Amino acid sequence: MAVWAWWACGCASLTCENTVSPIASQDLCAALVALALINPGTGSLTGGVVASVFTAGFFALLALVPGRGLGWGDVKFQAGLGFYLGFVHPGWEIVQVMTAFFLGSLQGLGMVFSRRGSVRDPIAFGPWMMAGVCLSIIWAQSPEII
């Protein structure tokens, strides 16, 4: 149920002119952390903290790179997403990050090849981060579904 609510938030953010506002992303992260802590028997608190620090640290390094890379909103958003994935499915936060970068690169390539944008145009990364989480959760639970 929580995954579908999260997916609806992601779809709603894709339809807005501005993707995920800082307040909405912080609220979503807080809701995910609260959801993980409400069900303590379903995950690992240590795994959540380690995943959050690891992935947010990686995003912080990318935010420090000069140029138009990731913003600090993406770093904060990934901290919450990393905690949630590390809590529920430890190790799947890496799959989420790789999936988000892959989907974002597909959007960038599509923009360049269709001549609707250039390499210098910014791409909203928040929706791809949420899509990466949804896809990694579905992938992690696929043996149980089949």
N, C-alpha and C. Protein backbone atom coordinates (compact mmCIF):
# COMPACT_ATOMS: atom_id res chain seq x y z
N MET A 1 0.82 -1.19 0.00
CA MET A 1 0.00 0.00 0.00
C MET A 1 0.86 1.25 0.00
N ALA A 2 1.91 1.25 0.81
CA ALA A 2 2.78 2.42 0.89
C ALA A 2 3.48 2.67 -0.44
N VAL A 3 3.83 1.61 -1.15
CA VAL A 3 4.51 1.76 -2.44
C VAL A 3 3.60 2.45 -3.43
N TRP A 4 2.32 2.08 -3.44
CA TRP A 4 1.39 2.70 -4.39
C TRP A 4 1.13 4.15 -4.04
N ALA A 5 1.07 4.48 -2.76
CA ALA A 5 0.91 5.88 -2.37
C ALA A 5 2.13 6.68 -2.79
N TRP A 6 3.30 6.09 -2.64
CA TRP A 6 4.53 6.75 -3.03
C TRP A 6 4.57 6.94 -4.55
N TRP A 7 4.14 5.94 -5.28
CA TRP A 7 4.10 6.03 -6.74
C TRP A 7 3.15 7.16 -7.17
N ALA A 8 2.02 7.30 -6.48
CA ALA A 8 1.08 8.37 -6.80
C ALA A 8 1.71 9.73 -6.55
N CYS A 9 2.50 9.85 -5.48
CA CYS A 9 3.20 11.11 -5.23
C CYS A 9 4.19 11.39 -6.35
N GLY A 10 4.87 10.36 -6.82
CA GLY A 10 5.82 10.54 -7.91
C GLY A 10 5.14 10.95 -9.20
N CYS A 11 4.01 10.34 -9.50
CA CYS A 11 3.27 10.70 -10.71
C CYS A 11 2.73 12.12 -10.60
N ALA A 12 2.29 12.50 -9.43
CA ALA A 12 1.80 13.86 -9.25
C ALA A 12 2.92 14.87 -9.41
N SER A 13 4.12 14.51 -8.95
CA SER A 13 5.24 15.45 -9.09
C SER A 13 5.70 15.55 -10.53
N LEU A 14 5.51 14.50 -11.33
CA LEU A 14 5.89 14.57 -12.74
C LEU A 14 4.98 15.50 -13.52
N THR A 15 3.75 15.68 -13.07
CA THR A 15 2.82 16.52 -13.80
C THR A 15 2.94 17.99 -13.43
N CYS A 16 3.62 18.29 -12.35
CA CYS A 16 3.78 19.68 -11.93
C CYS A 16 4.90 20.34 -12.73
N GLU A 17 4.86 21.67 -12.78
CA GLU A 17 5.91 22.39 -13.49
C GLU A 17 7.23 22.24 -12.74
N ASN A 18 7.20 22.43 -11.45
CA ASN A 18 8.37 22.18 -10.61
C ASN A 18 8.18 20.79 -10.04
N THR A 19 9.20 19.97 -10.13
CA THR A 19 9.01 18.57 -9.76
C THR A 19 8.68 18.44 -8.27
N VAL A 20 9.62 18.09 -7.46
CA VAL A 20 9.35 17.91 -6.03
C VAL A 20 9.91 19.11 -5.30
N SER A 21 9.04 19.85 -4.65
CA SER A 21 9.51 21.02 -3.92
C SER A 21 10.29 20.54 -2.70
N PRO A 22 11.19 21.40 -2.17
CA PRO A 22 11.97 20.97 -0.99
C PRO A 22 11.08 20.58 0.18
N ILE A 23 9.98 21.29 0.39
CA ILE A 23 9.11 20.96 1.51
C ILE A 23 8.43 19.62 1.27
N ALA A 24 7.96 19.38 0.06
CA ALA A 24 7.29 18.11 -0.24
C ALA A 24 8.26 16.94 -0.14
N SER A 25 9.50 17.12 -0.60
CA SER A 25 10.46 16.03 -0.53
C SER A 25 10.84 15.74 0.92
N GLN A 26 10.95 16.77 1.74
CA GLN A 26 11.26 16.54 3.14
C GLN A 26 10.09 15.86 3.84
N ASP A 27 8.86 16.26 3.49
CA ASP A 27 7.69 15.60 4.07
C ASP A 27 7.62 14.14 3.65
N LEU A 28 7.91 13.87 2.37
CA LEU A 28 7.88 12.50 1.89
C LEU A 28 8.94 11.66 2.59
N CYS A 29 10.13 12.21 2.73
CA CYS A 29 11.20 11.47 3.43
C CYS A 29 10.83 11.23 4.88
N ALA A 30 10.26 12.24 5.54
CA ALA A 30 9.86 12.06 6.93
C ALA A 30 8.77 11.00 7.05
N ALA A 31 7.85 10.98 6.09
CA ALA A 31 6.79 9.96 6.12
C ALA A 31 7.37 8.57 5.92
N LEU A 32 8.34 8.43 5.04
CA LEU A 32 8.95 7.12 4.81
C LEU A 32 9.74 6.65 6.02
N VAL A 33 10.46 7.57 6.66
CA VAL A 33 11.21 7.21 7.87
C VAL A 33 10.23 6.81 8.97
N ALA A 34 9.13 7.56 9.12
CA ALA A 34 8.13 7.21 10.13
C ALA A 34 7.49 5.87 9.82
N LEU A 35 7.21 5.63 8.54
CA LEU A 35 6.62 4.35 8.14
C LEU A 35 7.56 3.19 8.47
N ALA A 36 8.85 3.40 8.25
CA ALA A 36 9.81 2.34 8.56
C ALA A 36 9.91 2.11 10.07
N LEU A 37 9.82 3.18 10.85
CA LEU A 37 9.96 3.04 12.30
C LEU A 37 8.68 2.51 12.96
N ILE A 38 7.53 2.69 12.30
CA ILE A 38 6.28 2.18 12.87
C ILE A 38 6.27 0.66 12.87
N ASN A 39 6.86 0.05 11.85
CA ASN A 39 6.92 -1.41 11.74
C ASN A 39 8.32 -1.90 12.07
N PRO A 40 8.71 -1.89 13.35
CA PRO A 40 10.10 -2.21 13.69
C PRO A 40 10.49 -3.66 13.40
N GLY A 41 9.55 -4.56 13.30
CA GLY A 41 9.89 -5.96 13.07
C GLY A 41 10.17 -6.28 11.61
N THR A 42 9.98 -5.31 10.73
CA THR A 42 10.10 -5.59 9.30
C THR A 42 11.44 -5.18 8.71
N GLY A 43 12.33 -4.56 9.47
CA GLY A 43 13.57 -4.10 8.86
C GLY A 43 14.68 -3.89 9.86
N SER A 44 15.76 -3.33 9.36
CA SER A 44 16.96 -3.12 10.17
C SER A 44 17.24 -1.62 10.29
N LEU A 45 17.18 -1.11 11.52
CA LEU A 45 17.47 0.31 11.75
C LEU A 45 18.92 0.63 11.40
N THR A 46 19.83 -0.26 11.73
CA THR A 46 21.25 -0.06 11.39
C THR A 46 21.44 -0.02 9.87
N GLY A 47 20.77 -0.93 9.17
CA GLY A 47 20.86 -0.93 7.71
C GLY A 47 20.33 0.35 7.11
N GLY A 48 19.27 0.90 7.69
CA GLY A 48 18.72 2.16 7.21
C GLY A 48 19.66 3.32 7.40
N VAL A 49 20.29 3.39 8.56
CA VAL A 49 21.22 4.50 8.83
C VAL A 49 22.46 4.38 7.94
N VAL A 50 22.99 3.18 7.80
CA VAL A 50 24.18 2.98 6.96
C VAL A 50 23.86 3.33 5.50
N ALA A 51 22.72 2.87 5.01
CA ALA A 51 22.33 3.15 3.63
C ALA A 51 22.11 4.64 3.42
N SER A 52 21.51 5.30 4.41
CA SER A 52 21.27 6.73 4.29
C SER A 52 22.58 7.51 4.24
N VAL A 53 23.50 7.19 5.13
CA VAL A 53 24.78 7.89 5.15
C VAL A 53 25.58 7.61 3.89
N PHE A 54 25.59 6.36 3.45
CA PHE A 54 26.36 5.98 2.27
C PHE A 54 25.85 6.67 1.01
N THR A 55 24.54 6.56 0.75
CA THR A 55 24.01 7.12 -0.49
C THR A 55 23.97 8.65 -0.45
N ALA A 56 23.60 9.23 0.69
CA ALA A 56 23.60 10.69 0.78
C ALA A 56 25.03 11.24 0.70
N GLY A 57 26.00 10.51 1.23
CA GLY A 57 27.40 10.93 1.11
C GLY A 57 27.86 10.91 -0.34
N PHE A 58 27.47 9.87 -1.07
CA PHE A 58 27.81 9.79 -2.49
C PHE A 58 27.17 10.95 -3.26
N PHE A 59 25.90 11.23 -2.97
CA PHE A 59 25.23 12.35 -3.64
C PHE A 59 25.86 13.69 -3.23
N ALA A 60 26.32 13.81 -1.98
CA ALA A 60 26.97 15.05 -1.54
C ALA A 60 28.27 15.27 -2.30
N LEU A 61 29.01 14.20 -2.55
CA LEU A 61 30.23 14.33 -3.36
C LEU A 61 29.89 14.81 -4.76
N LEU A 62 28.82 14.29 -5.33
CA LEU A 62 28.39 14.73 -6.66
C LEU A 62 27.89 16.17 -6.65
N ALA A 63 27.29 16.60 -5.53
CA ALA A 63 26.81 17.98 -5.43
C ALA A 63 27.97 18.97 -5.31
N LEU A 64 29.11 18.50 -4.80
CA LEU A 64 30.28 19.37 -4.65
C LEU A 64 31.07 19.54 -5.94
N VAL A 65 30.79 18.71 -6.94
CA VAL A 65 31.49 18.83 -8.22
C VAL A 65 31.08 20.15 -8.87
N PRO A 66 32.05 20.93 -9.35
CA PRO A 66 31.70 22.19 -10.00
C PRO A 66 30.84 21.98 -11.24
N GLY A 67 30.00 22.93 -11.51
CA GLY A 67 29.11 22.83 -12.67
C GLY A 67 27.69 22.65 -12.21
N ARG A 68 26.86 22.18 -13.12
CA ARG A 68 25.44 22.02 -12.82
C ARG A 68 25.13 20.56 -12.56
N GLY A 69 25.65 20.04 -11.48
CA GLY A 69 25.40 18.65 -11.13
C GLY A 69 24.16 18.53 -10.27
N LEU A 70 24.22 17.68 -9.30
CA LEU A 70 23.10 17.48 -8.39
C LEU A 70 23.00 18.65 -7.42
N GLY A 71 21.78 18.93 -6.99
CA GLY A 71 21.57 19.96 -6.00
C GLY A 71 21.51 19.36 -4.61
N TRP A 72 21.53 20.22 -3.61
CA TRP A 72 21.50 19.74 -2.23
C TRP A 72 20.12 19.19 -1.87
N GLY A 73 19.10 19.57 -2.60
CA GLY A 73 17.78 18.97 -2.39
C GLY A 73 17.79 17.49 -2.74
N ASP A 74 18.53 17.14 -3.80
CA ASP A 74 18.66 15.73 -4.17
C ASP A 74 19.40 14.95 -3.08
N VAL A 75 20.39 15.60 -2.47
CA VAL A 75 21.16 14.94 -1.40
C VAL A 75 20.26 14.64 -0.21
N LYS A 76 19.48 15.65 0.21
CA LYS A 76 18.58 15.45 1.34
C LYS A 76 17.49 14.43 1.03
N PHE A 77 16.99 14.48 -0.19
CA PHE A 77 15.95 13.53 -0.60
C PHE A 77 16.50 12.11 -0.60
N GLN A 78 17.73 11.93 -1.09
CA GLN A 78 18.34 10.60 -1.12
C GLN A 78 18.62 10.08 0.28
N ALA A 79 18.87 10.97 1.23
CA ALA A 79 19.09 10.51 2.60
C ALA A 79 17.86 9.79 3.13
N GLY A 80 16.69 10.34 2.88
CA GLY A 80 15.45 9.69 3.31
C GLY A 80 15.15 8.43 2.52
N LEU A 81 15.37 8.49 1.21
CA LEU A 81 15.12 7.31 0.38
C LEU A 81 16.09 6.19 0.73
N GLY A 82 17.35 6.55 0.96
CA GLY A 82 18.35 5.55 1.34
C GLY A 82 18.02 4.90 2.67
N PHE A 83 17.53 5.71 3.62
CA PHE A 83 17.14 5.13 4.91
C PHE A 83 16.00 4.14 4.73
N TYR A 84 15.00 4.53 3.95
CA TYR A 84 13.85 3.65 3.76
C TYR A 84 14.26 2.34 3.11
N LEU A 85 15.03 2.43 2.02
CA LEU A 85 15.43 1.19 1.33
C LEU A 85 16.38 0.36 2.19
N GLY A 86 17.30 1.00 2.88
CA GLY A 86 18.21 0.26 3.75
C GLY A 86 17.49 -0.40 4.91
N PHE A 87 16.39 0.20 5.34
CA PHE A 87 15.61 -0.38 6.43
C PHE A 87 14.80 -1.57 5.93
N VAL A 88 14.13 -1.40 4.81
CA VAL A 88 13.23 -2.43 4.31
C VAL A 88 13.98 -3.55 3.59
N HIS A 89 14.87 -3.19 2.67
CA HIS A 89 15.64 -4.16 1.87
C HIS A 89 17.10 -3.72 1.84
N PRO A 90 17.90 -4.08 2.85
CA PRO A 90 19.31 -3.64 2.86
C PRO A 90 20.04 -4.08 1.60
N GLY A 91 20.80 -3.18 1.04
CA GLY A 91 21.57 -3.44 -0.17
C GLY A 91 20.89 -2.95 -1.43
N TRP A 92 19.58 -2.75 -1.39
CA TRP A 92 18.85 -2.35 -2.59
C TRP A 92 18.94 -0.86 -2.86
N GLU A 93 19.52 -0.10 -1.94
CA GLU A 93 19.70 1.33 -2.20
C GLU A 93 20.69 1.56 -3.35
N ILE A 94 21.62 0.63 -3.53
CA ILE A 94 22.57 0.76 -4.64
C ILE A 94 21.85 0.53 -5.96
N VAL A 95 20.92 -0.43 -5.98
CA VAL A 95 20.11 -0.67 -7.18
C VAL A 95 19.27 0.56 -7.48
N GLN A 96 18.73 1.19 -6.45
CA GLN A 96 17.92 2.40 -6.64
C GLN A 96 18.73 3.52 -7.25
N VAL A 97 19.94 3.74 -6.75
CA VAL A 97 20.78 4.82 -7.27
C VAL A 97 21.15 4.55 -8.73
N MET A 98 21.53 3.31 -9.03
CA MET A 98 21.89 2.99 -10.42
C MET A 98 20.69 3.11 -11.35
N THR A 99 19.52 2.69 -10.89
CA THR A 99 18.32 2.80 -11.70
C THR A 99 17.95 4.26 -11.94
N ALA A 100 18.07 5.09 -10.91
CA ALA A 100 17.75 6.51 -11.06
C ALA A 100 18.68 7.18 -12.07
N PHE A 101 19.97 6.89 -11.98
CA PHE A 101 20.91 7.48 -12.95
C PHE A 101 20.66 6.94 -14.36
N PHE A 102 20.31 5.67 -14.48
CA PHE A 102 20.02 5.10 -15.80
C PHE A 102 18.79 5.76 -16.42
N LEU A 103 17.71 5.89 -15.63
CA LEU A 103 16.49 6.50 -16.16
C LEU A 103 16.69 7.98 -16.48
N GLY A 104 17.44 8.68 -15.62
CA GLY A 104 17.74 10.08 -15.90
C GLY A 104 18.58 10.25 -17.16
N SER A 105 19.50 9.33 -17.38
CA SER A 105 20.32 9.41 -18.60
C SER A 105 19.49 9.12 -19.84
N LEU A 106 18.51 8.22 -19.72
CA LEU A 106 17.61 7.98 -20.85
C LEU A 106 16.82 9.23 -21.20
N GLN A 107 16.37 9.96 -20.19
CA GLN A 107 15.65 11.21 -20.44
C GLN A 107 16.57 12.22 -21.11
N GLY A 108 17.79 12.33 -20.61
CA GLY A 108 18.75 13.27 -21.21
C GLY A 108 19.07 12.92 -22.66
N LEU A 109 19.29 11.65 -22.92
CA LEU A 109 19.56 11.24 -24.30
C LEU A 109 18.36 11.48 -25.20
N GLY A 110 17.17 11.22 -24.68
CA GLY A 110 15.96 11.47 -25.45
C GLY A 110 15.81 12.95 -25.79
N MET A 111 16.14 13.81 -24.82
CA MET A 111 16.05 15.25 -25.07
C MET A 111 17.06 15.70 -26.13
N VAL A 112 18.27 15.16 -26.06
CA VAL A 112 19.31 15.56 -27.00
C VAL A 112 19.00 15.05 -28.40
N PHE A 113 18.62 13.76 -28.51
CA PHE A 113 18.37 13.19 -29.84
C PHE A 113 17.10 13.73 -30.48
N SER A 114 16.13 14.14 -29.69
CA SER A 114 14.92 14.73 -30.27
C SER A 114 15.07 16.23 -30.49
N ARG A 115 16.22 16.76 -30.15
CA ARG A 115 16.53 18.19 -30.29
C ARG A 115 15.59 19.08 -29.47
N ARG A 116 15.08 18.56 -28.40
CA ARG A 116 14.24 19.36 -27.50
C ARG A 116 15.06 19.94 -26.36
N GLY A 117 16.31 19.62 -26.32
CA GLY A 117 17.18 20.12 -25.29
C GLY A 117 18.62 19.88 -25.67
N SER A 118 19.52 20.40 -24.84
CA SER A 118 20.94 20.21 -25.09
C SER A 118 21.56 19.53 -23.86
N VAL A 119 22.83 19.30 -23.96
CA VAL A 119 23.55 18.65 -22.86
C VAL A 119 23.55 19.55 -21.62
N ARG A 120 23.47 20.84 -21.81
CA ARG A 120 23.53 21.80 -20.70
C ARG A 120 22.20 22.01 -19.99
N ASP A 121 21.11 21.52 -20.55
CA ASP A 121 19.80 21.72 -19.93
C ASP A 121 19.66 20.88 -18.66
N PRO A 122 19.06 21.47 -17.61
CA PRO A 122 18.87 20.71 -16.37
C PRO A 122 17.77 19.66 -16.53
N ILE A 123 17.92 18.59 -15.77
CA ILE A 123 16.94 17.51 -15.74
C ILE A 123 16.49 17.35 -14.29
N ALA A 124 15.20 17.28 -14.07
CA ALA A 124 14.69 17.02 -12.72
C ALA A 124 15.03 15.58 -12.36
N PHE A 125 15.75 15.41 -11.26
CA PHE A 125 16.23 14.08 -10.89
C PHE A 125 15.36 13.41 -9.83
N GLY A 126 14.57 14.19 -9.10
CA GLY A 126 13.72 13.63 -8.03
C GLY A 126 12.76 12.56 -8.50
N PRO A 127 12.04 12.77 -9.61
CA PRO A 127 11.14 11.71 -10.07
C PRO A 127 11.87 10.42 -10.42
N TRP A 128 13.07 10.52 -10.94
CA TRP A 128 13.84 9.31 -11.29
C TRP A 128 14.34 8.62 -10.04
N MET A 129 14.62 9.39 -8.99
CA MET A 129 15.01 8.78 -7.72
C MET A 129 13.84 7.98 -7.15
N MET A 130 12.63 8.55 -7.21
CA MET A 130 11.46 7.83 -6.70
C MET A 130 11.13 6.62 -7.56
N ALA A 131 11.27 6.77 -8.87
CA ALA A 131 11.03 5.63 -9.76
C ALA A 131 12.03 4.51 -9.48
N GLY A 132 13.28 4.89 -9.18
CA GLY A 132 14.29 3.89 -8.83
C GLY A 132 13.94 3.12 -7.58
N VAL A 133 13.39 3.82 -6.59
CA VAL A 133 12.98 3.13 -5.36
C VAL A 133 11.82 2.17 -5.65
N CYS A 134 10.83 2.65 -6.38
CA CYS A 134 9.68 1.79 -6.69
C CYS A 134 10.11 0.56 -7.48
N LEU A 135 10.95 0.75 -8.47
CA LEU A 135 11.40 -0.39 -9.28
C LEU A 135 12.26 -1.35 -8.47
N SER A 136 13.10 -0.82 -7.58
CA SER A 136 13.94 -1.72 -6.77
C SER A 136 13.11 -2.49 -5.75
N ILE A 137 12.05 -1.88 -5.22
CA ILE A 137 11.18 -2.61 -4.29
C ILE A 137 10.43 -3.71 -5.04
N ILE A 138 9.93 -3.38 -6.23
CA ILE A 138 9.23 -4.40 -7.02
C ILE A 138 10.18 -5.52 -7.38
N TRP A 139 11.41 -5.17 -7.75
CA TRP A 139 12.40 -6.18 -8.11
C TRP A 139 12.77 -7.04 -6.90
N ALA A 140 12.91 -6.40 -5.74
CA ALA A 140 13.27 -7.15 -4.52
C ALA A 140 12.16 -8.11 -4.10
N GLN A 141 10.92 -7.75 -4.37
CA GLN A 141 9.80 -8.59 -3.96
C GLN A 141 9.30 -9.48 -5.08
N SER A 142 9.94 -9.44 -6.26
CA SER A 142 9.46 -10.23 -7.40
C SER A 142 9.47 -11.74 -7.12
N PRO A 143 10.43 -12.31 -6.39
CA PRO A 143 10.32 -13.75 -6.11
C PRO A 143 9.08 -14.09 -5.27
N GLU A 144 8.67 -13.15 -4.39
CA GLU A 144 7.50 -13.39 -3.58
C GLU A 144 6.22 -13.25 -4.39
N ILE A 145 6.26 -12.38 -5.40
CA ILE A 145 5.07 -12.14 -6.24
C ILE A 145 4.84 -13.32 -7.16
N ILE A 146 5.91 -13.84 -7.75
CA ILE A 146 5.79 -14.95 -8.70
C ILE A 146 5.62 -16.19 -7.91
